[in-house]
Every structure is written in C-alpha cells, then in structure tokens.
Amino acid sequence: MTACSRPPFTRIIETSPPSEEPVTLSEAKAYLRVDDDNDDTLIGNLISAARISCEGYTGRAFVNRGMSAVADQWPEPLSCAGTMGFNLPKPPLSDVNSIEIFDSLHAPVELAADLYFVDTVSIPGQIVLEQSAFAPIAGQIANGIAIHFTAGYGSASDVPAPIRQAVLQMTAYLYDNRGASNALTRSGAADLLQPYRIVSVAP
C-alpha cells in the first residue's frame, strides 16, 4: 500500500512504557569498559535518557509500548487517493488495539475492526477505512476520538542495529561528559539515526 500525506493526531499519550531499553545495562557497561557496580544506577538512567533523545530525534518508538492518539474529530482531510484514513505517530506501527468514538453522553463506542484496515507496512503506519465504511462523528465536544495502538519494532532484539549503536554511543558520551550539551551530535548518534528520521510532510 502506498502511503500519502495525512495529518496525524496532535495529542499523543504513552499509556504504557517500554518494558526494556534497546540496550541492556551489561551491554552499556561493556561498551564503557566499566567493571564495577558503583555507577549502575547512573548508567541505567543515561541509557533511558539516550533512548528518549534518540526517539525524539527520529520521531520513532524503538521498543514496543502502548500509545493513544486523541483528537476532537477525525483529522482533515480524510480523503486520499480514493481512500479515507490517517497516519499514526511514533512509527513503526505494530498494531491497533481499538478505536473509540465518544458520544454526546461521553460514553465510548468502539469502532468495529472490520470497518478499517491497519497498515503496518507503511512508515508511518496508517488506519484506512474500508470502502463501505464511514467515519462516525464524535458527539463529545473535545477528545471525541481515541485510537489505542502499539508502537515499536518489538522487543529490544528487534530494534535495528544502527539505532541500538546510536543509543550506546550517546550513553557513553553522556557518561564521559557529564552535563555536556549537543550529545546527540557530538556522540555521532545523529549520523547513525539519520536514515531512520521521520520528516513531516505538509498535506
């Protein structure tokens, strides 16, 4: 399926964090050549900080986590190349768990899964309404549409090697240069991440 430009939802909520980091504490310590346990907590925190920075730079989610995309109504325009749909943020898209439309009484009504197609191949992933389906209008005045989905490559071992290396390099730079700025660039992580960076294209 060929992706086209569709505006993403603007309110994005992480509903469950990743269960692990792209690199382990042992991998980071081996890369840093640290043998003792004195800085384990610090190194663990730096791994998380490096991962968050790298995810922000690429616009991607690395290890699977739960996400929700919320909007008042469906993004406009819905129509593209004869289909109706929209992109989801934080690729790659792993799965869509449910789509809820809130009525005027603030009660959620789940959109039947056979009314839409989940495209996990395109980057970013997208939801496309089936040709016979239509987008129900939300009755709730704000936050009327909520899409609950899973974003990420899978487990840590599924994350591409250049991304994992970028997290390692940035972790090492932060460890050796406490409080330094521009760590993403100076560590060389940005160069490794450049092929994975998502650039927004205006519709």
N, C-alpha and C. Protein backbone atom coordinates (compact mmCIF):
# COMPACT_ATOMS: atom_id res chain seq x y z
N MET A 1 0.85 -1.19 0.00
CA MET A 1 0.00 0.00 0.00
C MET A 1 0.88 1.23 0.00
N THR A 2 0.57 2.20 -0.86
CA THR A 2 1.35 3.42 -0.95
C THR A 2 0.80 4.45 0.02
N ALA A 3 1.67 4.98 0.87
CA ALA A 3 1.24 5.98 1.85
C ALA A 3 1.11 7.33 1.16
N CYS A 4 0.19 8.15 1.62
CA CYS A 4 0.09 9.52 1.17
C CYS A 4 0.02 10.41 2.39
N SER A 5 0.10 11.69 2.17
CA SER A 5 0.22 12.62 3.28
C SER A 5 -1.11 12.82 3.97
N ARG A 6 -1.17 12.41 5.23
CA ARG A 6 -2.37 12.60 6.03
C ARG A 6 -1.94 13.19 7.37
N PRO A 7 -2.66 14.19 7.87
CA PRO A 7 -2.24 14.82 9.11
C PRO A 7 -2.40 13.88 10.29
N PRO A 8 -1.42 13.80 11.18
CA PRO A 8 -1.51 12.92 12.34
C PRO A 8 -2.36 13.54 13.44
N PHE A 9 -2.72 12.72 14.40
CA PHE A 9 -3.37 13.23 15.61
C PHE A 9 -2.34 14.06 16.39
N THR A 10 -2.81 15.10 17.05
CA THR A 10 -1.90 16.02 17.72
C THR A 10 -1.71 15.73 19.20
N ARG A 11 -2.63 15.01 19.82
CA ARG A 11 -2.49 14.69 21.24
C ARG A 11 -2.13 13.22 21.38
N ILE A 12 -0.89 13.00 21.78
CA ILE A 12 -0.36 11.64 21.85
C ILE A 12 0.00 11.32 23.30
N ILE A 13 -0.48 10.19 23.78
CA ILE A 13 -0.28 9.78 25.17
C ILE A 13 0.39 8.41 25.19
N GLU A 14 1.46 8.29 25.96
CA GLU A 14 2.07 6.98 26.17
C GLU A 14 1.34 6.33 27.33
N THR A 15 0.59 5.27 27.05
CA THR A 15 -0.23 4.62 28.08
C THR A 15 0.51 3.54 28.85
N SER A 16 1.54 2.97 28.24
CA SER A 16 2.39 2.01 28.96
C SER A 16 3.79 2.12 28.40
N PRO A 17 4.78 2.26 29.27
CA PRO A 17 6.16 2.45 28.81
C PRO A 17 6.74 1.17 28.25
N PRO A 18 7.86 1.27 27.52
CA PRO A 18 8.52 0.04 27.05
C PRO A 18 8.99 -0.78 28.24
N SER A 19 8.92 -2.09 28.10
CA SER A 19 9.28 -2.98 29.20
C SER A 19 10.79 -3.12 29.37
N GLU A 20 11.55 -2.66 28.37
CA GLU A 20 13.00 -2.74 28.43
C GLU A 20 13.60 -1.65 27.54
N GLU A 21 14.87 -1.39 27.73
CA GLU A 21 15.57 -0.43 26.88
C GLU A 21 16.17 -1.16 25.67
N PRO A 22 16.50 -0.42 24.60
CA PRO A 22 17.09 -1.07 23.42
C PRO A 22 18.42 -1.75 23.70
N VAL A 23 19.15 -1.26 24.70
CA VAL A 23 20.41 -1.90 25.10
C VAL A 23 20.35 -2.18 26.60
N THR A 24 20.98 -3.24 27.02
CA THR A 24 20.97 -3.63 28.42
C THR A 24 22.07 -2.89 29.19
N LEU A 25 21.94 -2.93 30.51
CA LEU A 25 22.98 -2.37 31.36
C LEU A 25 24.31 -3.06 31.11
N SER A 26 24.28 -4.38 30.95
CA SER A 26 25.52 -5.14 30.71
C SER A 26 26.18 -4.72 29.40
N GLU A 27 25.37 -4.52 28.37
CA GLU A 27 25.92 -4.09 27.08
C GLU A 27 26.55 -2.70 27.19
N ALA A 28 25.87 -1.82 27.91
CA ALA A 28 26.40 -0.46 28.07
C ALA A 28 27.69 -0.47 28.88
N LYS A 29 27.75 -1.27 29.94
CA LYS A 29 28.96 -1.33 30.77
C LYS A 29 30.12 -1.92 29.99
N ALA A 30 29.84 -2.92 29.15
CA ALA A 30 30.90 -3.50 28.33
C ALA A 30 31.41 -2.46 27.34
N TYR A 31 30.51 -1.68 26.76
CA TYR A 31 30.91 -0.63 25.81
C TYR A 31 31.73 0.45 26.51
N LEU A 32 31.35 0.75 27.76
CA LEU A 32 32.05 1.76 28.55
C LEU A 32 33.32 1.22 29.22
N ARG A 33 33.48 -0.09 29.20
CA ARG A 33 34.60 -0.75 29.89
C ARG A 33 34.57 -0.46 31.39
N VAL A 34 33.35 -0.55 31.94
CA VAL A 34 33.15 -0.37 33.38
C VAL A 34 32.94 -1.76 33.99
N ASP A 35 33.78 -2.12 34.98
CA ASP A 35 33.73 -3.45 35.57
C ASP A 35 32.98 -3.50 36.91
N ASP A 36 32.95 -2.40 37.64
CA ASP A 36 32.31 -2.42 38.95
C ASP A 36 30.84 -2.02 38.83
N ASP A 37 30.14 -2.09 39.98
CA ASP A 37 28.71 -1.81 40.01
C ASP A 37 28.38 -0.42 40.59
N ASN A 38 29.38 0.37 40.84
CA ASN A 38 29.16 1.64 41.53
C ASN A 38 28.25 2.60 40.76
N ASP A 39 28.34 2.57 39.43
CA ASP A 39 27.58 3.52 38.62
C ASP A 39 26.41 2.88 37.88
N ASP A 40 25.96 1.72 38.37
CA ASP A 40 24.89 1.02 37.65
C ASP A 40 23.63 1.87 37.51
N THR A 41 23.23 2.52 38.59
CA THR A 41 22.02 3.35 38.55
C THR A 41 22.19 4.50 37.57
N LEU A 42 23.34 5.16 37.64
CA LEU A 42 23.63 6.27 36.73
C LEU A 42 23.60 5.81 35.28
N ILE A 43 24.26 4.71 34.99
CA ILE A 43 24.33 4.22 33.61
C ILE A 43 22.93 3.85 33.10
N GLY A 44 22.16 3.22 33.97
CA GLY A 44 20.78 2.88 33.59
C GLY A 44 19.98 4.11 33.25
N ASN A 45 20.13 5.17 34.05
CA ASN A 45 19.42 6.42 33.78
C ASN A 45 19.90 7.06 32.48
N LEU A 46 21.19 6.96 32.21
CA LEU A 46 21.74 7.53 30.98
C LEU A 46 21.26 6.77 29.75
N ILE A 47 21.10 5.44 29.86
CA ILE A 47 20.54 4.66 28.76
C ILE A 47 19.15 5.16 28.42
N SER A 48 18.33 5.36 29.46
CA SER A 48 16.96 5.85 29.24
C SER A 48 16.97 7.24 28.63
N ALA A 49 17.84 8.11 29.13
CA ALA A 49 17.92 9.47 28.60
C ALA A 49 18.36 9.45 27.14
N ALA A 50 19.32 8.60 26.82
CA ALA A 50 19.80 8.50 25.44
C ALA A 50 18.71 7.96 24.53
N ARG A 51 17.99 6.95 24.98
CA ARG A 51 16.91 6.39 24.18
C ARG A 51 15.81 7.42 23.91
N ILE A 52 15.42 8.17 24.94
CA ILE A 52 14.38 9.19 24.78
C ILE A 52 14.82 10.26 23.79
N SER A 53 16.08 10.66 23.87
CA SER A 53 16.60 11.66 22.95
C SER A 53 16.64 11.13 21.52
N CYS A 54 17.07 9.89 21.37
CA CYS A 54 17.15 9.29 20.03
C CYS A 54 15.75 9.09 19.44
N GLU A 55 14.80 8.70 20.26
CA GLU A 55 13.43 8.56 19.78
C GLU A 55 12.87 9.92 19.36
N GLY A 56 13.17 10.94 20.15
CA GLY A 56 12.69 12.27 19.80
C GLY A 56 13.28 12.76 18.49
N TYR A 57 14.54 12.46 18.25
CA TYR A 57 15.22 12.89 17.02
C TYR A 57 14.64 12.18 15.80
N THR A 58 14.36 10.90 15.94
CA THR A 58 13.86 10.13 14.80
C THR A 58 12.35 10.24 14.63
N GLY A 59 11.63 10.56 15.71
CA GLY A 59 10.18 10.55 15.65
C GLY A 59 9.60 9.14 15.75
N ARG A 60 10.43 8.18 16.16
CA ARG A 60 10.02 6.79 16.21
C ARG A 60 9.91 6.29 17.65
N ALA A 61 9.26 5.12 17.80
CA ALA A 61 9.30 4.35 19.04
C ALA A 61 10.17 3.14 18.77
N PHE A 62 11.06 2.82 19.68
CA PHE A 62 12.00 1.72 19.46
C PHE A 62 11.43 0.40 19.99
N VAL A 63 11.36 0.25 21.30
CA VAL A 63 10.78 -0.96 21.89
C VAL A 63 9.28 -0.74 22.06
N ASN A 64 8.49 -1.78 21.82
CA ASN A 64 7.03 -1.67 21.88
C ASN A 64 6.54 -1.03 23.17
N ARG A 65 5.55 -0.14 23.02
CA ARG A 65 4.85 0.44 24.15
C ARG A 65 3.44 0.81 23.72
N GLY A 66 2.54 0.96 24.70
CA GLY A 66 1.17 1.35 24.42
C GLY A 66 1.07 2.85 24.21
N MET A 67 0.29 3.25 23.20
CA MET A 67 0.09 4.65 22.88
C MET A 67 -1.40 4.90 22.64
N SER A 68 -1.81 6.15 22.84
CA SER A 68 -3.15 6.58 22.45
C SER A 68 -3.03 7.89 21.69
N ALA A 69 -3.76 7.97 20.57
CA ALA A 69 -3.83 9.21 19.79
C ALA A 69 -5.25 9.75 19.94
N VAL A 70 -5.35 11.00 20.38
CA VAL A 70 -6.65 11.58 20.73
C VAL A 70 -6.88 12.85 19.92
N ALA A 71 -8.11 13.02 19.45
CA ALA A 71 -8.48 14.23 18.71
C ALA A 71 -9.94 14.56 18.98
N ASP A 72 -10.32 15.80 18.71
CA ASP A 72 -11.73 16.20 18.88
C ASP A 72 -12.60 15.51 17.84
N GLN A 73 -12.13 15.52 16.57
CA GLN A 73 -12.81 14.85 15.47
C GLN A 73 -11.74 14.20 14.59
N TRP A 74 -12.17 13.56 13.53
CA TRP A 74 -11.23 12.93 12.62
C TRP A 74 -10.35 13.98 11.97
N PRO A 75 -9.07 13.66 11.73
CA PRO A 75 -8.19 14.61 11.05
C PRO A 75 -8.73 14.93 9.66
N GLU A 76 -8.46 16.12 9.20
CA GLU A 76 -8.85 16.53 7.85
C GLU A 76 -7.59 16.81 7.02
N PRO A 77 -7.54 16.49 5.72
CA PRO A 77 -8.64 15.78 5.03
C PRO A 77 -8.54 14.27 5.23
N LEU A 78 -9.70 13.63 5.25
CA LEU A 78 -9.72 12.18 5.37
C LEU A 78 -9.49 11.50 4.03
N SER A 79 -9.85 12.17 2.94
CA SER A 79 -9.81 11.54 1.63
C SER A 79 -8.41 11.63 1.02
N CYS A 80 -7.92 10.52 0.49
CA CYS A 80 -6.62 10.49 -0.18
C CYS A 80 -6.57 9.31 -1.13
N ALA A 81 -6.40 9.59 -2.41
CA ALA A 81 -6.27 8.54 -3.43
C ALA A 81 -7.43 7.55 -3.37
N GLY A 82 -8.64 8.08 -3.13
CA GLY A 82 -9.83 7.23 -3.13
C GLY A 82 -10.07 6.50 -1.83
N THR A 83 -9.24 6.70 -0.84
CA THR A 83 -9.42 6.05 0.45
C THR A 83 -9.64 7.10 1.53
N MET A 84 -10.06 6.65 2.70
CA MET A 84 -10.24 7.54 3.83
C MET A 84 -9.42 7.00 4.99
N GLY A 85 -8.50 7.78 5.49
CA GLY A 85 -7.67 7.30 6.58
C GLY A 85 -6.73 8.35 7.08
N PHE A 86 -5.80 7.93 7.94
CA PHE A 86 -4.87 8.87 8.54
C PHE A 86 -3.65 8.13 9.07
N ASN A 87 -2.55 8.86 9.16
CA ASN A 87 -1.32 8.32 9.71
C ASN A 87 -1.36 8.29 11.23
N LEU A 88 -0.64 7.34 11.81
CA LEU A 88 -0.44 7.32 13.25
C LEU A 88 1.00 7.68 13.57
N PRO A 89 1.23 8.39 14.67
CA PRO A 89 2.59 8.82 15.01
C PRO A 89 3.42 7.69 15.61
N LYS A 90 4.68 8.00 15.87
CA LYS A 90 5.61 7.10 16.54
C LYS A 90 5.77 5.76 15.83
N PRO A 91 6.11 5.77 14.54
CA PRO A 91 6.33 4.51 13.84
C PRO A 91 7.55 3.77 14.39
N PRO A 92 7.66 2.48 14.09
CA PRO A 92 6.72 1.70 13.29
C PRO A 92 5.47 1.31 14.08
N LEU A 93 4.35 1.23 13.35
CA LEU A 93 3.09 0.80 13.95
C LEU A 93 3.09 -0.71 14.06
N SER A 94 2.89 -1.21 15.26
CA SER A 94 2.86 -2.66 15.49
C SER A 94 1.45 -3.21 15.38
N ASP A 95 0.48 -2.52 15.99
CA ASP A 95 -0.90 -3.00 15.97
C ASP A 95 -1.83 -1.89 16.46
N VAL A 96 -3.07 -1.94 16.04
CA VAL A 96 -4.12 -1.06 16.58
C VAL A 96 -5.00 -1.92 17.48
N ASN A 97 -5.10 -1.53 18.73
CA ASN A 97 -5.86 -2.30 19.71
C ASN A 97 -7.35 -1.99 19.66
N SER A 98 -7.69 -0.70 19.51
CA SER A 98 -9.10 -0.32 19.41
C SER A 98 -9.20 1.13 18.98
N ILE A 99 -10.36 1.48 18.42
CA ILE A 99 -10.71 2.86 18.10
C ILE A 99 -12.01 3.18 18.81
N GLU A 100 -12.02 4.23 19.62
CA GLU A 100 -13.20 4.62 20.37
C GLU A 100 -13.71 5.98 19.90
N ILE A 101 -15.03 6.07 19.71
CA ILE A 101 -15.69 7.34 19.40
C ILE A 101 -16.63 7.63 20.56
N PHE A 102 -16.48 8.82 21.15
CA PHE A 102 -17.27 9.17 22.33
C PHE A 102 -18.53 9.91 21.91
N ASP A 103 -19.69 9.47 22.45
CA ASP A 103 -20.96 10.10 22.09
C ASP A 103 -21.22 11.32 22.97
N SER A 104 -22.38 11.93 22.78
CA SER A 104 -22.71 13.17 23.50
C SER A 104 -22.86 12.96 25.00
N LEU A 105 -23.00 11.72 25.42
CA LEU A 105 -23.09 11.41 26.85
C LEU A 105 -21.73 11.00 27.40
N HIS A 106 -20.68 11.18 26.60
CA HIS A 106 -19.29 10.90 26.98
C HIS A 106 -19.01 9.40 27.14
N ALA A 107 -19.84 8.58 26.50
CA ALA A 107 -19.64 7.13 26.56
C ALA A 107 -18.88 6.69 25.30
N PRO A 108 -17.87 5.83 25.47
CA PRO A 108 -17.11 5.36 24.29
C PRO A 108 -17.85 4.27 23.54
N VAL A 109 -17.84 4.38 22.22
CA VAL A 109 -18.38 3.34 21.35
C VAL A 109 -17.25 2.85 20.47
N GLU A 110 -16.93 1.56 20.54
CA GLU A 110 -15.80 1.04 19.79
C GLU A 110 -16.16 0.84 18.32
N LEU A 111 -15.30 1.31 17.44
CA LEU A 111 -15.48 1.12 16.01
C LEU A 111 -15.13 -0.31 15.65
N ALA A 112 -16.02 -1.00 14.98
CA ALA A 112 -15.80 -2.40 14.64
C ALA A 112 -14.53 -2.56 13.81
N ALA A 113 -13.74 -3.56 14.14
CA ALA A 113 -12.44 -3.75 13.49
C ALA A 113 -12.57 -4.06 12.01
N ASP A 114 -13.71 -4.59 11.57
CA ASP A 114 -13.86 -4.91 10.14
C ASP A 114 -14.20 -3.69 9.30
N LEU A 115 -14.30 -2.51 9.94
CA LEU A 115 -14.58 -1.28 9.21
C LEU A 115 -13.32 -0.52 8.81
N TYR A 116 -12.16 -1.00 9.26
CA TYR A 116 -10.92 -0.31 8.91
C TYR A 116 -9.78 -1.31 8.71
N PHE A 117 -8.80 -0.87 7.94
CA PHE A 117 -7.62 -1.68 7.65
C PHE A 117 -6.41 -1.05 8.33
N VAL A 118 -5.61 -1.86 9.00
CA VAL A 118 -4.42 -1.39 9.69
C VAL A 118 -3.21 -1.68 8.82
N ASP A 119 -2.57 -0.63 8.36
CA ASP A 119 -1.39 -0.74 7.50
C ASP A 119 -0.14 -0.58 8.36
N THR A 120 0.51 -1.70 8.66
CA THR A 120 1.73 -1.67 9.47
C THR A 120 2.99 -1.69 8.60
N VAL A 121 2.81 -1.70 7.28
CA VAL A 121 3.95 -1.74 6.37
C VAL A 121 4.47 -0.33 6.08
N SER A 122 3.56 0.61 5.85
CA SER A 122 3.96 1.98 5.54
C SER A 122 4.61 2.64 6.74
N ILE A 123 5.47 3.61 6.48
CA ILE A 123 6.11 4.41 7.52
C ILE A 123 5.75 5.87 7.27
N PRO A 124 4.95 6.52 8.11
CA PRO A 124 4.32 5.94 9.31
C PRO A 124 3.18 5.00 8.97
N GLY A 125 2.82 4.15 9.94
CA GLY A 125 1.69 3.26 9.76
C GLY A 125 0.39 4.05 9.69
N GLN A 126 -0.63 3.42 9.14
CA GLN A 126 -1.88 4.15 8.96
C GLN A 126 -3.09 3.27 9.16
N ILE A 127 -4.20 3.94 9.45
CA ILE A 127 -5.50 3.31 9.51
C ILE A 127 -6.28 3.82 8.31
N VAL A 128 -6.84 2.90 7.53
CA VAL A 128 -7.62 3.28 6.35
C VAL A 128 -9.01 2.65 6.47
N LEU A 129 -10.04 3.48 6.36
CA LEU A 129 -11.39 2.97 6.42
C LEU A 129 -11.70 2.15 5.18
N GLU A 130 -12.41 1.04 5.38
CA GLU A 130 -12.84 0.23 4.24
C GLU A 130 -13.79 1.04 3.36
N GLN A 131 -13.87 0.68 2.08
CA GLN A 131 -14.63 1.48 1.12
C GLN A 131 -16.10 1.62 1.50
N SER A 132 -16.66 0.61 2.15
CA SER A 132 -18.08 0.65 2.51
C SER A 132 -18.31 1.34 3.86
N ALA A 133 -17.22 1.73 4.53
CA ALA A 133 -17.35 2.30 5.88
C ALA A 133 -17.37 3.83 5.82
N PHE A 134 -17.80 4.43 6.90
CA PHE A 134 -17.75 5.88 7.05
C PHE A 134 -17.25 6.20 8.45
N ALA A 135 -16.75 7.40 8.61
CA ALA A 135 -16.20 7.81 9.90
C ALA A 135 -17.30 8.40 10.77
N PRO A 136 -17.70 7.72 11.84
CA PRO A 136 -18.74 8.27 12.71
C PRO A 136 -18.28 9.57 13.36
N ILE A 137 -19.17 10.52 13.44
CA ILE A 137 -18.86 11.81 14.06
C ILE A 137 -18.94 11.69 15.57
N ALA A 138 -17.94 12.20 16.26
CA ALA A 138 -17.95 12.16 17.72
C ALA A 138 -18.96 13.16 18.27
N GLY A 139 -19.71 12.75 19.29
CA GLY A 139 -20.68 13.65 19.92
C GLY A 139 -20.07 14.45 21.05
N GLN A 140 -18.95 13.96 21.59
CA GLN A 140 -18.28 14.66 22.68
C GLN A 140 -17.55 15.88 22.12
N ILE A 141 -17.67 17.01 22.78
CA ILE A 141 -17.18 18.27 22.23
C ILE A 141 -15.66 18.33 22.12
N ALA A 142 -14.96 17.61 22.97
CA ALA A 142 -13.49 17.57 22.93
C ALA A 142 -13.01 16.16 23.21
N ASN A 143 -11.87 15.80 22.61
CA ASN A 143 -11.30 14.46 22.80
C ASN A 143 -12.30 13.37 22.45
N GLY A 144 -12.98 13.57 21.32
CA GLY A 144 -14.05 12.66 20.94
C GLY A 144 -13.60 11.39 20.26
N ILE A 145 -12.36 11.35 19.78
CA ILE A 145 -11.84 10.17 19.09
C ILE A 145 -10.56 9.72 19.79
N ALA A 146 -10.46 8.43 20.09
CA ALA A 146 -9.26 7.89 20.73
C ALA A 146 -8.85 6.60 20.04
N ILE A 147 -7.62 6.57 19.55
CA ILE A 147 -7.08 5.37 18.91
C ILE A 147 -6.01 4.80 19.84
N HIS A 148 -6.20 3.57 20.25
CA HIS A 148 -5.26 2.91 21.16
C HIS A 148 -4.43 1.92 20.34
N PHE A 149 -3.12 2.08 20.36
CA PHE A 149 -2.28 1.27 19.48
C PHE A 149 -0.95 0.93 20.15
N THR A 150 -0.23 0.01 19.53
CA THR A 150 1.09 -0.39 19.98
C THR A 150 2.11 0.09 18.97
N ALA A 151 3.11 0.83 19.45
CA ALA A 151 4.14 1.39 18.59
C ALA A 151 5.49 0.78 18.96
N GLY A 152 6.31 0.51 17.94
CA GLY A 152 7.65 0.00 18.19
C GLY A 152 8.01 -1.15 17.27
N TYR A 153 9.30 -1.51 17.28
CA TYR A 153 9.79 -2.61 16.45
C TYR A 153 9.47 -3.97 17.06
N GLY A 154 9.21 -4.01 18.36
CA GLY A 154 9.02 -5.27 19.08
C GLY A 154 9.83 -5.22 20.35
N SER A 155 10.59 -6.28 20.62
CA SER A 155 11.48 -6.30 21.79
C SER A 155 12.80 -5.61 21.44
N ALA A 156 13.68 -5.53 22.42
CA ALA A 156 14.97 -4.86 22.21
C ALA A 156 15.75 -5.51 21.08
N SER A 157 15.68 -6.83 20.97
CA SER A 157 16.43 -7.53 19.93
C SER A 157 15.91 -7.24 18.52
N ASP A 158 14.70 -6.70 18.42
CA ASP A 158 14.12 -6.39 17.11
C ASP A 158 14.49 -4.98 16.63
N VAL A 159 15.04 -4.17 17.51
CA VAL A 159 15.42 -2.80 17.15
C VAL A 159 16.63 -2.86 16.21
N PRO A 160 16.61 -2.13 15.09
CA PRO A 160 17.75 -2.18 14.15
C PRO A 160 19.08 -1.86 14.83
N ALA A 161 20.13 -2.55 14.39
CA ALA A 161 21.45 -2.41 15.00
C ALA A 161 21.97 -0.97 15.00
N PRO A 162 21.79 -0.18 13.92
CA PRO A 162 22.29 1.20 13.97
C PRO A 162 21.63 2.04 15.06
N ILE A 163 20.36 1.79 15.33
CA ILE A 163 19.66 2.52 16.39
C ILE A 163 20.23 2.13 17.75
N ARG A 164 20.44 0.84 17.96
CA ARG A 164 20.99 0.37 19.23
C ARG A 164 22.40 0.93 19.42
N GLN A 165 23.18 0.98 18.35
CA GLN A 165 24.52 1.54 18.43
C GLN A 165 24.46 3.02 18.77
N ALA A 166 23.50 3.74 18.20
CA ALA A 166 23.35 5.17 18.50
C ALA A 166 23.04 5.39 19.98
N VAL A 167 22.19 4.56 20.54
CA VAL A 167 21.87 4.66 21.97
C VAL A 167 23.12 4.39 22.81
N LEU A 168 23.91 3.40 22.43
CA LEU A 168 25.15 3.09 23.14
C LEU A 168 26.13 4.26 23.07
N GLN A 169 26.30 4.82 21.87
CA GLN A 169 27.27 5.91 21.71
C GLN A 169 26.85 7.14 22.50
N MET A 170 25.57 7.43 22.50
CA MET A 170 25.11 8.60 23.25
C MET A 170 25.22 8.36 24.75
N THR A 171 24.93 7.14 25.19
CA THR A 171 25.09 6.79 26.61
C THR A 171 26.53 7.00 27.04
N ALA A 172 27.48 6.53 26.21
CA ALA A 172 28.90 6.66 26.53
C ALA A 172 29.31 8.12 26.58
N TYR A 173 28.82 8.91 25.65
CA TYR A 173 29.17 10.33 25.64
C TYR A 173 28.65 11.03 26.89
N LEU A 174 27.41 10.73 27.27
CA LEU A 174 26.82 11.34 28.47
C LEU A 174 27.57 10.90 29.72
N TYR A 175 28.05 9.66 29.73
CA TYR A 175 28.78 9.17 30.90
C TYR A 175 30.14 9.85 31.03
N ASP A 176 30.80 10.05 29.90
CA ASP A 176 32.15 10.64 29.92
C ASP A 176 32.13 12.16 29.97
N ASN A 177 30.99 12.76 29.64
CA ASN A 177 30.91 14.22 29.58
C ASN A 177 29.67 14.68 30.34
N ARG A 178 29.73 14.57 31.65
CA ARG A 178 28.57 14.88 32.48
C ARG A 178 28.14 16.34 32.27
N GLY A 179 26.86 16.51 31.94
CA GLY A 179 26.33 17.86 31.79
C GLY A 179 26.63 18.51 30.46
N ALA A 180 27.28 17.80 29.54
CA ALA A 180 27.62 18.38 28.23
C ALA A 180 26.36 18.53 27.38
N SER A 181 26.39 19.48 26.46
CA SER A 181 25.26 19.71 25.56
C SER A 181 25.56 19.10 24.19
N ASN A 182 24.53 19.07 23.34
CA ASN A 182 24.66 18.56 21.98
C ASN A 182 25.21 17.13 21.93
N ALA A 183 24.81 16.32 22.90
CA ALA A 183 25.33 14.94 22.97
C ALA A 183 24.92 14.12 21.76
N LEU A 184 23.72 14.38 21.24
CA LEU A 184 23.24 13.60 20.09
C LEU A 184 24.17 13.75 18.90
N THR A 185 24.62 14.99 18.66
CA THR A 185 25.51 15.26 17.53
C THR A 185 26.94 14.86 17.83
N ARG A 186 27.44 15.27 19.00
CA ARG A 186 28.85 15.05 19.33
C ARG A 186 29.19 13.58 19.54
N SER A 187 28.21 12.79 19.92
CA SER A 187 28.45 11.36 20.11
C SER A 187 28.46 10.59 18.79
N GLY A 188 28.00 11.23 17.72
CA GLY A 188 27.87 10.54 16.44
C GLY A 188 26.55 9.81 16.28
N ALA A 189 25.69 9.88 17.32
CA ALA A 189 24.41 9.17 17.26
C ALA A 189 23.52 9.72 16.15
N ALA A 190 23.55 11.04 15.94
CA ALA A 190 22.68 11.65 14.92
C ALA A 190 22.99 11.10 13.53
N ASP A 191 24.27 10.85 13.24
CA ASP A 191 24.64 10.31 11.94
C ASP A 191 24.06 8.91 11.73
N LEU A 192 24.11 8.09 12.78
CA LEU A 192 23.57 6.74 12.69
C LEU A 192 22.05 6.75 12.55
N LEU A 193 21.41 7.74 13.15
CA LEU A 193 19.95 7.79 13.17
C LEU A 193 19.34 8.47 11.96
N GLN A 194 20.17 9.16 11.18
CA GLN A 194 19.63 9.96 10.08
C GLN A 194 18.74 9.15 9.12
N PRO A 195 19.11 7.93 8.75
CA PRO A 195 18.23 7.16 7.83
C PRO A 195 16.88 6.80 8.42
N TYR A 196 16.76 6.88 9.75
CA TYR A 196 15.52 6.48 10.41
C TYR A 196 14.65 7.70 10.80
N ARG A 197 15.13 8.88 10.47
CA ARG A 197 14.42 10.09 10.90
C ARG A 197 13.16 10.28 10.06
N ILE A 198 12.05 10.57 10.74
CA ILE A 198 10.77 10.82 10.08
C ILE A 198 10.63 12.32 9.89
N VAL A 199 10.49 12.74 8.64
CA VAL A 199 10.31 14.15 8.32
C VAL A 199 8.86 14.39 7.97
N SER A 200 8.22 15.29 8.68
CA SER A 200 6.81 15.58 8.43
C SER A 200 6.65 16.26 7.08
N VAL A 201 5.64 15.83 6.35
CA VAL A 201 5.34 16.42 5.05
C VAL A 201 3.96 17.04 5.12
N ALA A 202 3.88 18.33 4.85
CA ALA A 202 2.59 19.01 4.91
C ALA A 202 1.68 18.50 3.82
N PRO A 203 0.36 18.32 4.12
CA PRO A 203 -0.57 17.81 3.12
C PRO A 203 -0.82 18.84 2.03
